[in-house]
Amino acid sequence: MRPVREIASEIRKEWENVNFAAKPYLAAMLELETVKDRYGLDTGHSIVLHFLCNASSFRGEAARRIKKELKDLVK
């Protein structure tokens, strides 16, 4: 599995107009190696889940693949 920050970097490349509600979670994900890491008082697991909840406008083939990868991380 790829590091969370690598996945987040790909999201930034693929998603031109990141939803304002997803932006802070994407920024936090850029600092995480795994979902077990912490960012401030939040767990990486929580950050990824919140990102997914706010990423409904991230669409397309790449988005589906990336979202599945993130969902697999938080299972």
C-alpha atoms as a PDB file:
ATOM      1  CA  MET A   1       0.000   0.000   0.000  1.00  0.00           C
ATOM      2  CA  ARG A   2       1.136   3.505  -0.789  1.00  0.00           C
ATOM      3  CA  PRO A   3       1.748   6.119   1.891  1.00  0.00           C
ATOM      4  CA  VAL A   4      -1.221   8.400   2.512  1.00  0.00           C
ATOM      5  CA  ARG A   5       0.806  11.454   1.479  1.00  0.00           C
ATOM      6  CA  GLU A   6       1.545   9.856  -1.900  1.00  0.00           C
ATOM      7  CA  ILE A   7      -2.147   9.194  -2.471  1.00  0.00           C
ATOM      8  CA  ALA A   8      -2.949  12.776  -1.423  1.00  0.00           C
ATOM      9  CA  SER A   9      -0.366  14.092  -3.862  1.00  0.00           C
ATOM     10  CA  GLU A  10      -2.050  12.194  -6.673  1.00  0.00           C
ATOM     11  CA  ILE A  11      -5.432  13.611  -5.621  1.00  0.00           C
ATOM     12  CA  ARG A  12      -4.035  17.140  -5.903  1.00  0.00           C
ATOM     13  CA  LYS A  13      -2.883  16.379  -9.443  1.00  0.00           C
ATOM     14  CA  GLU A  14      -6.168  14.759 -10.506  1.00  0.00           C
ATOM     15  CA  TRP A  15      -8.724  17.033  -8.776  1.00  0.00           C
ATOM     16  CA  GLU A  16      -8.470  20.545 -10.184  1.00  0.00           C
ATOM     17  CA  ASN A  17     -11.081  22.313  -8.041  1.00  0.00           C
ATOM     18  CA  VAL A  18     -10.908  20.592  -4.664  1.00  0.00           C
ATOM     19  CA  ASN A  19     -14.109  21.022  -2.670  1.00  0.00           C
ATOM     20  CA  PHE A  20     -13.614  23.616   0.081  1.00  0.00           C
ATOM     21  CA  ALA A  21     -14.762  21.129   2.734  1.00  0.00           C
ATOM     22  CA  ALA A  22     -12.235  18.502   1.569  1.00  0.00           C
ATOM     23  CA  LYS A  23      -9.251  20.898   1.360  1.00  0.00           C
ATOM     24  CA  PRO A  24      -8.200  20.808   5.034  1.00  0.00           C
ATOM     25  CA  TYR A  25      -8.341  17.016   5.094  1.00  0.00           C
ATOM     26  CA  LEU A  26      -6.355  16.770   1.877  1.00  0.00           C
ATOM     27  CA  ALA A  27      -3.744  19.138   3.354  1.00  0.00           C
ATOM     28  CA  ALA A  28      -3.517  16.960   6.465  1.00  0.00           C
ATOM     29  CA  MET A  29      -3.233  13.796   4.369  1.00  0.00           C
ATOM     30  CA  LEU A  30      -0.163  15.285   2.666  1.00  0.00           C
ATOM     31  CA  GLU A  31       1.564  15.056   6.070  1.00  0.00           C
ATOM     32  CA  LEU A  32       0.653  11.424   6.841  1.00  0.00           C
ATOM     33  CA  GLU A  33       2.580   8.238   6.175  1.00  0.00           C
ATOM     34  CA  THR A  34      -0.156   5.862   7.382  1.00  0.00           C
ATOM     35  CA  VAL A  35      -3.666   6.104   8.825  1.00  0.00           C
ATOM     36  CA  LYS A  36      -2.137   5.272  12.213  1.00  0.00           C
ATOM     37  CA  ASP A  37      -0.223   8.576  12.239  1.00  0.00           C
ATOM     38  CA  ARG A  38      -1.594  11.640  13.984  1.00  0.00           C
ATOM     39  CA  TYR A  39      -2.053  15.137  12.643  1.00  0.00           C
ATOM     40  CA  GLY A  40      -2.621  17.474  15.538  1.00  0.00           C
ATOM     41  CA  LEU A  41      -5.244  15.841  17.714  1.00  0.00           C
ATOM     42  CA  ASP A  42      -6.740  13.813  14.863  1.00  0.00           C
ATOM     43  CA  THR A  43      -5.853  10.312  13.736  1.00  0.00           C
ATOM     44  CA  GLY A  44      -4.987   9.609  10.148  1.00  0.00           C
ATOM     45  CA  HIS A  45      -7.905   7.194  10.078  1.00  0.00           C
ATOM     46  CA  SER A  46     -10.319   9.992  11.018  1.00  0.00           C
ATOM     47  CA  ILE A  47      -8.770  12.421   8.522  1.00  0.00           C
ATOM     48  CA  VAL A  48      -9.104   9.971   5.627  1.00  0.00           C
ATOM     49  CA  LEU A  49     -12.731   9.208   6.559  1.00  0.00           C
ATOM     50  CA  HIS A  50     -13.573  12.911   6.723  1.00  0.00           C
ATOM     51  CA  PHE A  51     -11.878  13.483   3.378  1.00  0.00           C
ATOM     52  CA  LEU A  52     -13.946  10.705   1.799  1.00  0.00           C
ATOM     53  CA  CYS A  53     -17.151  12.198   3.231  1.00  0.00           C
ATOM     54  CA  ASN A  54     -16.326  15.535   1.594  1.00  0.00           C
ATOM     55  CA  ALA A  55     -15.018  14.216  -1.732  1.00  0.00           C
ATOM     56  CA  SER A  56     -18.286  13.413  -3.492  1.00  0.00           C
ATOM     57  CA  SER A  57     -17.487  15.894  -6.273  1.00  0.00           C
ATOM     58  CA  PHE A  58     -14.171  14.132  -6.978  1.00  0.00           C
ATOM     59  CA  ARG A  59     -15.268  12.033  -9.949  1.00  0.00           C
ATOM     60  CA  GLY A  60     -13.935   9.967 -12.796  1.00  0.00           C
ATOM     61  CA  GLU A  61     -11.903   6.821 -13.258  1.00  0.00           C
ATOM     62  CA  ALA A  62      -8.906   8.057 -11.251  1.00  0.00           C
ATOM     63  CA  ALA A  63     -11.196   9.266  -8.461  1.00  0.00           C
ATOM     64  CA  ARG A  64     -12.902   5.883  -8.174  1.00  0.00           C
ATOM     65  CA  ARG A  65      -9.562   4.092  -8.030  1.00  0.00           C
ATOM     66  CA  ILE A  66      -8.116   6.495  -5.455  1.00  0.00           C
ATOM     67  CA  LYS A  67     -11.219   6.465  -3.253  1.00  0.00           C
ATOM     68  CA  LYS A  68     -11.196   2.668  -3.252  1.00  0.00           C
ATOM     69  CA  GLU A  69      -7.535   2.727  -2.206  1.00  0.00           C
ATOM     70  CA  LEU A  70      -8.352   5.107   0.666  1.00  0.00           C
ATOM     71  CA  LYS A  71     -11.353   3.024   1.740  1.00  0.00           C
ATOM     72  CA  ASP A  72      -9.131  -0.053   1.825  1.00  0.00           C
ATOM     73  CA  LEU A  73      -6.749   1.820   4.169  1.00  0.00           C
ATOM     74  CA  VAL A  74      -9.464   2.573   6.716  1.00  0.00           C
ATOM     75  CA  LYS A  75     -11.133  -0.850   6.790  1.00  0.00           C
END
